N, C-alpha and C. Protein backbone atom coordinates (compact mmCIF):
# COMPACT_ATOMS: atom_id res chain seq x y z
N MET A 1 -120.82 -141.96 -42.94
CA MET A 1 -120.24 -141.39 -44.26
C MET A 1 -121.40 -140.36 -44.22
N SER A 2 -120.73 -139.08 -44.76
CA SER A 2 -121.87 -138.14 -44.76
C SER A 2 -122.09 -137.81 -46.24
N ASP A 3 -123.06 -136.91 -46.36
CA ASP A 3 -123.66 -136.81 -47.93
C ASP A 3 -122.61 -135.90 -48.38
N PRO A 4 -122.39 -136.44 -49.35
CA PRO A 4 -121.49 -135.42 -50.75
C PRO A 4 -121.71 -134.09 -50.77
N ALA A 5 -122.97 -133.84 -50.93
CA ALA A 5 -123.73 -132.35 -51.41
C ALA A 5 -123.52 -131.84 -50.07
N LYS A 6 -123.60 -132.06 -48.96
CA LYS A 6 -123.37 -131.65 -47.44
C LYS A 6 -121.89 -131.09 -47.12
N THR A 7 -120.73 -132.22 -47.74
CA THR A 7 -119.52 -132.28 -47.85
C THR A 7 -118.70 -130.72 -48.80
N ARG A 8 -119.70 -130.70 -50.08
CA ARG A 8 -119.07 -129.85 -50.82
C ARG A 8 -119.28 -128.52 -50.20
N ARG A 9 -120.76 -128.72 -49.79
CA ARG A 9 -121.03 -127.51 -48.88
C ARG A 9 -120.35 -126.67 -47.90
N HIS A 10 -119.45 -127.87 -47.38
CA HIS A 10 -118.75 -127.43 -45.81
C HIS A 10 -117.59 -126.89 -46.70
N ALA A 11 -116.99 -127.48 -47.47
CA ALA A 11 -115.53 -127.47 -48.44
C ALA A 11 -116.18 -126.04 -49.07
N GLU A 12 -116.56 -125.53 -49.50
CA GLU A 12 -116.85 -124.06 -49.87
C GLU A 12 -117.15 -122.68 -49.36
N ARG A 13 -117.69 -123.56 -47.69
CA ARG A 13 -117.85 -122.50 -47.17
C ARG A 13 -116.38 -122.36 -45.63
N VAL A 14 -115.66 -123.56 -45.87
CA VAL A 14 -114.33 -123.22 -45.53
C VAL A 14 -113.39 -122.39 -46.58
N ARG A 15 -113.44 -122.60 -47.71
CA ARG A 15 -112.64 -121.99 -48.77
C ARG A 15 -113.20 -120.60 -48.25
N GLU A 16 -114.43 -120.27 -48.14
CA GLU A 16 -114.89 -118.44 -48.06
C GLU A 16 -114.47 -117.75 -46.37
N LEU A 17 -114.47 -118.94 -45.43
CA LEU A 17 -114.35 -118.26 -44.27
C LEU A 17 -112.68 -117.89 -43.88
N VAL A 18 -111.92 -118.69 -44.90
CA VAL A 18 -110.37 -118.80 -44.46
C VAL A 18 -109.95 -117.59 -45.52
N ALA A 19 -110.68 -117.62 -46.73
CA ALA A 19 -110.48 -116.51 -47.70
C ALA A 19 -110.72 -115.22 -46.65
N SER A 20 -111.83 -115.08 -45.68
CA SER A 20 -111.81 -114.16 -45.08
C SER A 20 -111.30 -113.32 -44.21
N LEU A 21 -110.64 -114.91 -43.31
CA LEU A 21 -110.05 -114.64 -42.11
C LEU A 21 -108.48 -114.34 -42.78
N VAL A 22 -108.04 -114.89 -43.87
CA VAL A 22 -106.53 -114.39 -43.73
C VAL A 22 -106.37 -112.66 -44.14
N ARG A 23 -107.51 -112.12 -44.41
CA ARG A 23 -107.31 -110.67 -44.28
C ARG A 23 -107.13 -110.11 -42.91
N GLU A 24 -107.24 -110.71 -41.67
CA GLU A 24 -107.47 -110.69 -40.46
C GLU A 24 -105.96 -111.17 -39.68
N ILE A 25 -104.91 -111.59 -40.90
CA ILE A 25 -103.89 -112.07 -39.76
C ILE A 25 -102.89 -111.00 -40.23
N LYS A 26 -102.13 -110.55 -38.76
CA LYS A 26 -101.29 -109.36 -39.08
C LYS A 26 -99.87 -109.83 -39.11
N ASP A 27 -99.54 -111.20 -39.93
CA ASP A 27 -98.03 -111.74 -39.94
C ASP A 27 -97.29 -110.44 -41.11
N PRO A 28 -96.31 -110.05 -40.66
CA PRO A 28 -95.84 -109.50 -42.14
C PRO A 28 -95.33 -110.49 -43.00
N ARG A 29 -94.84 -111.87 -42.84
CA ARG A 29 -94.78 -112.59 -43.71
C ARG A 29 -95.62 -112.85 -44.72
N LEU A 30 -96.88 -112.76 -44.42
CA LEU A 30 -98.23 -112.55 -45.25
C LEU A 30 -97.85 -111.56 -46.26
N GLY A 31 -97.75 -112.71 -47.69
CA GLY A 31 -98.07 -112.10 -48.89
C GLY A 31 -98.84 -112.01 -49.85
N MET A 32 -99.59 -111.49 -50.81
CA MET A 32 -100.61 -111.31 -51.22
C MET A 32 -101.10 -113.04 -52.04
N VAL A 33 -102.10 -113.68 -50.67
CA VAL A 33 -102.50 -114.49 -50.84
C VAL A 33 -103.75 -114.85 -51.57
N THR A 34 -104.36 -115.58 -52.41
CA THR A 34 -105.45 -115.92 -52.79
C THR A 34 -105.91 -117.49 -52.42
N ILE A 35 -106.95 -117.85 -51.96
CA ILE A 35 -107.31 -119.07 -51.37
C ILE A 35 -108.41 -119.63 -52.51
N THR A 36 -107.36 -120.94 -53.38
CA THR A 36 -108.28 -121.23 -54.63
C THR A 36 -109.22 -122.18 -54.58
N ASP A 37 -108.77 -123.16 -53.55
CA ASP A 37 -110.44 -124.02 -53.46
C ASP A 37 -109.86 -124.79 -51.99
N ALA A 38 -110.69 -125.73 -51.44
CA ALA A 38 -110.76 -126.28 -50.29
C ALA A 38 -111.36 -127.35 -50.29
N ARG A 39 -111.03 -128.41 -49.94
CA ARG A 39 -111.60 -130.22 -49.20
C ARG A 39 -111.31 -130.76 -48.44
N ILE A 40 -112.63 -131.08 -48.07
CA ILE A 40 -113.27 -131.57 -46.73
C ILE A 40 -113.23 -133.04 -46.71
N THR A 41 -112.73 -133.91 -45.52
CA THR A 41 -112.98 -135.17 -45.73
C THR A 41 -114.39 -135.49 -45.38
N GLY A 42 -114.97 -136.66 -45.52
CA GLY A 42 -116.69 -136.92 -45.74
C GLY A 42 -116.48 -137.29 -44.30
N ASP A 43 -115.93 -137.27 -43.38
CA ASP A 43 -116.44 -137.06 -41.89
C ASP A 43 -116.37 -135.79 -41.23
N LEU A 44 -115.82 -134.75 -41.79
CA LEU A 44 -115.42 -133.50 -41.66
C LEU A 44 -114.50 -132.88 -40.54
N ARG A 45 -113.46 -133.77 -40.18
CA ARG A 45 -112.61 -133.70 -39.46
C ARG A 45 -111.10 -132.84 -39.88
N GLU A 46 -110.93 -132.87 -41.53
CA GLU A 46 -109.42 -132.80 -41.89
C GLU A 46 -110.09 -132.01 -43.43
N ALA A 47 -109.36 -130.74 -43.15
CA ALA A 47 -109.88 -129.82 -44.49
C ALA A 47 -108.57 -129.35 -45.15
N THR A 48 -108.20 -129.37 -46.53
CA THR A 48 -107.10 -128.72 -47.08
C THR A 48 -107.53 -127.87 -47.80
N VAL A 49 -106.81 -126.67 -47.92
CA VAL A 49 -106.99 -125.42 -48.25
C VAL A 49 -105.69 -125.21 -49.12
N TYR A 50 -106.23 -125.04 -50.52
CA TYR A 50 -105.25 -124.39 -51.18
C TYR A 50 -105.05 -123.34 -51.85
N TYR A 51 -103.76 -122.88 -51.86
CA TYR A 51 -103.92 -121.22 -51.79
C TYR A 51 -102.65 -121.17 -52.92
N THR A 52 -102.57 -119.75 -53.44
CA THR A 52 -101.36 -119.16 -53.94
C THR A 52 -101.28 -117.96 -54.08
N VAL A 53 -99.76 -118.00 -54.15
CA VAL A 53 -99.07 -116.65 -53.56
C VAL A 53 -98.30 -115.95 -54.93
N LEU A 54 -98.51 -114.18 -55.13
CA LEU A 54 -98.01 -113.47 -55.69
C LEU A 54 -96.74 -113.08 -55.53
N GLY A 55 -95.68 -113.80 -56.30
CA GLY A 55 -94.15 -113.50 -55.88
C GLY A 55 -93.33 -114.81 -56.10
N ASP A 56 -92.37 -114.38 -55.84
CA ASP A 56 -91.20 -115.32 -56.19
C ASP A 56 -91.17 -116.38 -55.21
N GLU A 57 -90.26 -117.24 -55.05
CA GLU A 57 -90.54 -118.42 -53.90
C GLU A 57 -90.29 -118.13 -52.42
N THR A 58 -89.04 -117.11 -52.43
CA THR A 58 -89.20 -116.64 -50.75
C THR A 58 -90.69 -115.68 -50.07
N GLU A 59 -91.50 -115.50 -51.40
CA GLU A 59 -92.64 -114.81 -50.57
C GLU A 59 -93.46 -115.96 -50.36
N GLN A 60 -93.51 -117.13 -51.00
CA GLN A 60 -94.25 -118.57 -51.05
C GLN A 60 -94.02 -119.16 -49.83
N SER A 61 -92.88 -118.96 -49.49
CA SER A 61 -92.00 -119.95 -48.13
C SER A 61 -92.53 -118.90 -46.92
N SER A 62 -92.28 -117.51 -47.17
CA SER A 62 -92.65 -116.75 -45.75
C SER A 62 -94.02 -116.80 -45.72
N THR A 63 -95.13 -116.88 -46.97
CA THR A 63 -96.56 -117.00 -46.62
C THR A 63 -96.43 -118.03 -46.09
N ALA A 64 -95.93 -119.41 -46.36
CA ALA A 64 -96.59 -120.60 -46.12
C ALA A 64 -96.19 -120.88 -44.58
N ALA A 65 -95.26 -119.96 -43.94
CA ALA A 65 -95.14 -120.09 -42.69
C ALA A 65 -95.88 -119.36 -41.85
N ALA A 66 -96.34 -117.95 -42.59
CA ALA A 66 -97.24 -117.06 -41.95
C ALA A 66 -98.28 -117.89 -41.53
N LEU A 67 -98.85 -118.72 -42.57
CA LEU A 67 -100.36 -119.65 -42.54
C LEU A 67 -100.51 -120.73 -41.83
N GLU A 68 -99.08 -121.32 -41.28
CA GLU A 68 -98.71 -122.80 -40.63
C GLU A 68 -99.06 -121.71 -38.83
N SER A 69 -98.06 -120.72 -38.79
CA SER A 69 -98.49 -120.05 -37.45
C SER A 69 -99.84 -119.57 -37.51
N ALA A 70 -100.65 -119.36 -38.02
CA ALA A 70 -101.68 -118.96 -37.60
C ALA A 70 -102.91 -119.83 -37.77
N LYS A 71 -102.49 -121.22 -38.37
CA LYS A 71 -103.20 -122.31 -38.21
C LYS A 71 -104.35 -122.76 -37.09
N GLY A 72 -103.83 -122.31 -36.11
CA GLY A 72 -104.51 -122.65 -34.57
C GLY A 72 -105.95 -121.75 -34.59
N MET A 73 -105.60 -120.36 -34.66
CA MET A 73 -106.63 -119.37 -35.39
C MET A 73 -107.58 -119.35 -36.21
N LEU A 74 -107.36 -119.66 -37.17
CA LEU A 74 -108.14 -120.14 -38.46
C LEU A 74 -108.85 -121.75 -37.65
N ARG A 75 -108.42 -122.46 -37.64
CA ARG A 75 -109.11 -123.72 -37.41
C ARG A 75 -110.31 -123.49 -36.15
N SER A 76 -109.75 -122.78 -35.19
CA SER A 76 -111.33 -122.22 -34.23
C SER A 76 -112.03 -121.56 -34.55
N ARG A 77 -111.36 -120.51 -35.66
CA ARG A 77 -112.95 -120.12 -35.68
C ARG A 77 -113.50 -120.22 -36.95
N VAL A 78 -113.07 -121.37 -37.80
CA VAL A 78 -113.61 -122.07 -39.06
C VAL A 78 -114.60 -122.91 -38.21
N GLY A 79 -114.18 -123.87 -37.46
CA GLY A 79 -115.04 -124.61 -36.30
C GLY A 79 -116.36 -124.29 -35.85
N HIS A 80 -115.93 -122.51 -34.91
CA HIS A 80 -116.82 -122.16 -34.72
C HIS A 80 -117.69 -121.60 -35.68
N ALA A 81 -117.53 -121.06 -36.54
CA ALA A 81 -118.47 -120.83 -37.89
C ALA A 81 -119.51 -121.93 -38.45
N LEU A 82 -118.97 -122.93 -38.51
CA LEU A 82 -119.38 -123.68 -39.29
C LEU A 82 -120.28 -125.01 -38.31
N GLY A 83 -119.92 -124.66 -37.21
CA GLY A 83 -120.97 -125.14 -36.31
C GLY A 83 -121.10 -126.41 -35.99
N LEU A 84 -119.34 -127.23 -36.18
CA LEU A 84 -119.29 -128.45 -35.95
C LEU A 84 -118.95 -128.99 -34.44
N ARG A 85 -119.42 -130.17 -34.12
CA ARG A 85 -118.76 -130.63 -32.59
C ARG A 85 -116.90 -130.68 -32.76
N HIS A 86 -116.60 -131.05 -33.93
CA HIS A 86 -115.27 -130.89 -33.91
C HIS A 86 -114.51 -129.93 -34.63
N SER A 87 -113.99 -129.03 -34.43
CA SER A 87 -113.00 -128.38 -35.57
C SER A 87 -112.58 -129.16 -36.45
N PRO A 88 -112.53 -128.78 -37.77
CA PRO A 88 -111.45 -129.51 -38.78
C PRO A 88 -110.23 -129.36 -38.82
N SER A 89 -109.09 -130.20 -39.02
CA SER A 89 -107.93 -129.77 -39.02
C SER A 89 -107.38 -129.08 -39.97
N LEU A 90 -106.94 -127.85 -40.39
CA LEU A 90 -106.41 -127.22 -41.57
C LEU A 90 -105.14 -128.20 -41.87
N ALA A 91 -105.22 -128.43 -43.52
CA ALA A 91 -103.73 -128.34 -43.87
C ALA A 91 -103.71 -127.33 -44.96
N PHE A 92 -102.65 -126.62 -45.03
CA PHE A 92 -102.30 -125.66 -46.37
C PHE A 92 -101.42 -126.22 -47.53
N VAL A 93 -101.76 -126.24 -48.77
CA VAL A 93 -101.37 -126.65 -50.08
C VAL A 93 -100.84 -125.53 -50.85
N LEU A 94 -99.83 -125.77 -51.35
CA LEU A 94 -99.55 -123.97 -52.47
C LEU A 94 -100.16 -124.79 -53.71
N ASP A 95 -100.75 -123.96 -54.37
CA ASP A 95 -101.13 -124.21 -55.59
C ASP A 95 -100.70 -123.54 -56.64
N ASN A 96 -99.88 -124.08 -57.20
CA ASN A 96 -99.03 -123.10 -58.24
C ASN A 96 -99.73 -122.92 -59.83
N VAL A 97 -100.56 -122.48 -59.40
CA VAL A 97 -101.57 -121.81 -60.74
C VAL A 97 -100.59 -121.35 -62.19
N LEU A 98 -99.45 -120.54 -61.78
CA LEU A 98 -99.46 -120.29 -62.95
C LEU A 98 -98.33 -121.28 -63.34
N ASP A 99 -97.55 -122.09 -62.71
CA ASP A 99 -96.87 -123.53 -63.56
C ASP A 99 -97.30 -124.04 -64.07
N HIS A 100 -98.98 -124.49 -63.49
CA HIS A 100 -99.85 -125.21 -64.64
C HIS A 100 -100.35 -124.35 -65.54
N ALA A 101 -100.69 -123.51 -65.91
CA ALA A 101 -100.99 -122.66 -66.84
C ALA A 101 -99.37 -122.64 -67.69
N LYS A 102 -98.40 -122.23 -67.36
CA LYS A 102 -97.36 -122.34 -68.23
C LYS A 102 -97.42 -123.75 -69.36
N GLU A 103 -97.60 -124.91 -68.09
CA GLU A 103 -97.52 -126.24 -68.48
C GLU A 103 -98.66 -126.20 -69.88
N ILE A 104 -99.81 -125.63 -69.61
CA ILE A 104 -100.81 -126.13 -70.57
C ILE A 104 -100.53 -125.22 -71.75
N ASP A 105 -100.04 -124.01 -71.62
CA ASP A 105 -99.78 -123.20 -72.59
C ASP A 105 -98.35 -124.12 -73.71
N ASP A 106 -97.77 -124.45 -72.72
CA ASP A 106 -96.67 -125.31 -73.71
C ASP A 106 -97.14 -126.06 -74.10
N LEU A 107 -98.06 -127.13 -73.88
CA LEU A 107 -98.49 -128.16 -74.59
C LEU A 107 -99.64 -127.91 -75.61
N LEU A 108 -100.30 -126.62 -75.40
CA LEU A 108 -101.07 -126.09 -76.94
C LEU A 108 -100.06 -125.21 -77.58
N ALA A 109 -99.14 -124.97 -77.38
CA ALA A 109 -98.02 -124.59 -78.56
C ALA A 109 -97.52 -126.03 -78.73
N ALA A 110 -97.02 -126.92 -78.43
CA ALA A 110 -96.61 -128.37 -78.95
C ALA A 110 -97.87 -128.05 -80.12
N ALA A 111 -98.45 -128.44 -79.77
CA ALA A 111 -100.15 -129.03 -80.48
C ALA A 111 -100.22 -128.65 -81.52
N LYS A 112 -100.31 -127.22 -81.77
CA LYS A 112 -100.43 -126.39 -82.78
C LYS A 112 -99.05 -126.21 -83.75
N HIS A 113 -98.11 -126.60 -83.27
CA HIS A 113 -96.63 -126.49 -84.04
C HIS A 113 -96.58 -128.04 -84.92
N ARG A 114 -97.36 -129.42 -84.46
CA ARG A 114 -97.50 -130.41 -84.58
C ARG A 114 -98.65 -130.29 -85.87
N ASP A 115 -99.77 -129.79 -85.57
CA ASP A 115 -101.04 -129.38 -86.41
C ASP A 115 -100.42 -128.61 -87.99
N GLU A 116 -99.51 -127.22 -87.75
CA GLU A 116 -99.31 -126.82 -88.58
C GLU A 116 -97.99 -127.83 -89.61
N GLU A 117 -97.48 -128.83 -89.22
CA GLU A 117 -96.69 -130.12 -89.71
C GLU A 117 -97.69 -130.72 -90.51
N VAL A 118 -98.38 -131.15 -90.02
CA VAL A 118 -99.42 -131.89 -90.81
C VAL A 118 -100.20 -131.18 -91.97
N HIS A 119 -100.56 -130.20 -91.61
CA HIS A 119 -101.04 -128.99 -93.13
C HIS A 119 -100.05 -128.88 -93.85
N ARG A 120 -98.91 -128.65 -93.71
CA ARG A 120 -97.58 -128.56 -94.69
C ARG A 120 -97.49 -129.65 -95.45
N LEU A 121 -97.10 -130.70 -94.48
CA LEU A 121 -97.42 -131.89 -95.45
C LEU A 121 -98.45 -132.75 -96.06
N ALA A 122 -99.36 -131.92 -95.67
CA ALA A 122 -100.72 -132.54 -96.65
C ALA A 122 -100.92 -131.44 -97.96
N ALA A 123 -100.36 -130.52 -97.82
CA ALA A 123 -100.45 -129.23 -98.80
C ALA A 123 -100.31 -129.74 -100.42
N GLY A 124 -101.12 -129.68 -101.69
CA GLY A 124 -100.98 -130.36 -102.53
C GLY A 124 -100.65 -131.75 -102.80
N LYS A 125 -101.16 -132.44 -101.56
CA LYS A 125 -101.41 -134.02 -101.79
C LYS A 125 -102.97 -134.43 -102.11
N LYS A 126 -103.04 -135.25 -103.07
CA LYS A 126 -104.22 -135.76 -103.53
C LYS A 126 -104.86 -136.79 -103.12
N TYR A 127 -106.46 -137.30 -102.62
CA TYR A 127 -106.79 -138.50 -102.27
C TYR A 127 -106.19 -139.85 -103.34
N ALA A 128 -106.14 -140.53 -102.53
CA ALA A 128 -105.58 -142.08 -102.74
C ALA A 128 -106.85 -142.61 -104.42
N GLY A 129 -108.04 -142.40 -103.61
CA GLY A 129 -108.91 -142.81 -104.53
C GLY A 129 -109.82 -141.68 -104.80
N ASP A 130 -111.14 -141.46 -105.05
CA ASP A 130 -112.03 -140.52 -105.77
C ASP A 130 -112.21 -139.47 -104.40
N PRO A 131 -112.18 -138.24 -104.64
CA PRO A 131 -112.12 -137.19 -103.52
C PRO A 131 -113.46 -137.60 -102.67
N ASP A 132 -114.46 -137.90 -103.15
CA ASP A 132 -115.90 -137.87 -102.04
C ASP A 132 -116.05 -139.65 -102.13
N PRO A 133 -115.74 -140.42 -101.18
CA PRO A 133 -116.32 -141.92 -101.82
C PRO A 133 -117.49 -142.16 -101.23
N TYR A 134 -118.15 -141.33 -100.78
CA TYR A 134 -119.46 -141.55 -100.48
C TYR A 134 -120.33 -141.86 -101.35
N LYS A 135 -121.53 -142.41 -101.74
CA LYS A 135 -122.53 -141.87 -102.36
C LYS A 135 -123.56 -141.31 -102.11
N SER A 136 -124.22 -140.46 -103.12
CA SER A 136 -124.90 -139.45 -102.70
C SER A 136 -126.13 -139.86 -103.72
N ASP A 137 -127.26 -139.31 -103.25
CA ASP A 137 -128.72 -139.76 -103.86
C ASP A 137 -128.72 -139.60 -105.16
N GLU A 138 -127.64 -138.37 -105.75
CA GLU A 138 -127.84 -138.44 -106.76
C GLU A 138 -127.40 -139.47 -107.68
N ASP A 139 -126.51 -140.05 -107.53
CA ASP A 139 -125.99 -141.09 -108.06
C ASP A 139 -126.70 -142.56 -108.46
N GLU A 140 -127.69 -142.82 -107.14
CA GLU A 140 -128.61 -143.69 -106.76
C GLU A 140 -129.59 -143.62 -107.92
N ASP A 141 -129.99 -142.36 -108.25
CA ASP A 141 -131.09 -142.35 -108.73
C ASP A 141 -131.07 -142.58 -110.63
N ASP A 142 -129.30 -142.40 -111.08
CA ASP A 142 -128.82 -142.78 -112.17
C ASP A 142 -128.49 -144.12 -112.51
N GLU A 143 -127.91 -144.82 -111.33
CA GLU A 143 -127.65 -146.03 -111.13
C GLU A 143 -128.79 -147.42 -110.93
N ARG A 144 -130.13 -146.57 -110.98
CA ARG A 144 -131.24 -147.23 -110.52
C ARG A 144 -131.50 -148.38 -111.92
N VAL A 145 -131.73 -149.37 -111.45
CA VAL A 145 -131.82 -150.49 -113.21
C VAL A 145 -134.03 -150.71 -112.83
N PRO A 146 -134.76 -150.33 -113.72
CA PRO A 146 -136.32 -150.59 -113.72
C PRO A 146 -136.32 -152.03 -113.17
N ALA A 147 -137.14 -152.51 -112.02
CA ALA A 147 -137.78 -153.40 -112.31
C ALA A 147 -138.80 -154.41 -113.67
N ALA A 148 -138.91 -155.78 -113.98
CA ALA A 148 -139.62 -156.26 -114.79
C ALA A 148 -140.76 -155.63 -114.93
N GLY A 149 -141.93 -155.05 -113.60
CA GLY A 149 -143.05 -154.93 -113.50
C GLY A 149 -142.54 -153.19 -113.39
N ASP A 150 -142.24 -152.49 -113.70
CA ASP A 150 -141.91 -150.91 -113.13
C ASP A 150 -141.95 -150.09 -114.66
N GLN A 151 -142.74 -149.65 -114.28
CA GLN A 151 -143.26 -148.45 -115.85
C GLN A 151 -142.42 -147.25 -115.70
N GLY A 152 -141.30 -147.16 -116.74
CA GLY A 152 -140.83 -145.57 -116.56
C GLY A 152 -139.52 -145.72 -116.35
């Protein structure tokens, strides 16, 4: 079992290496690709590289094919740079950042709409009891009954 800190360092290094090596790929199918993250197993044998592509689905599929064809070169260069006994096998996963961002925006808009509805329903309403149900220090001083031996 490997040290988690060492695994994180290797994953970060894999992300940096792949990001720099992708620029050297001369495949015309390769689009505007950004390496967003990399994860590596504890035994340092398998690495998953997450990427995003600027463009439509055809750009994404052609970039996936270009990365798949350059996988051997990337694997050997990453393994050599890391100095490991065995080069980690690479798997590329499309990271749809724009889809996730749109989903989060939709959820925030729905929450805002629900909040506005609650505020609209609460407008002009009054509390069922006292507006401030908690006793303050001033109330305690007024209600204090002097004990038998107290002066004052």
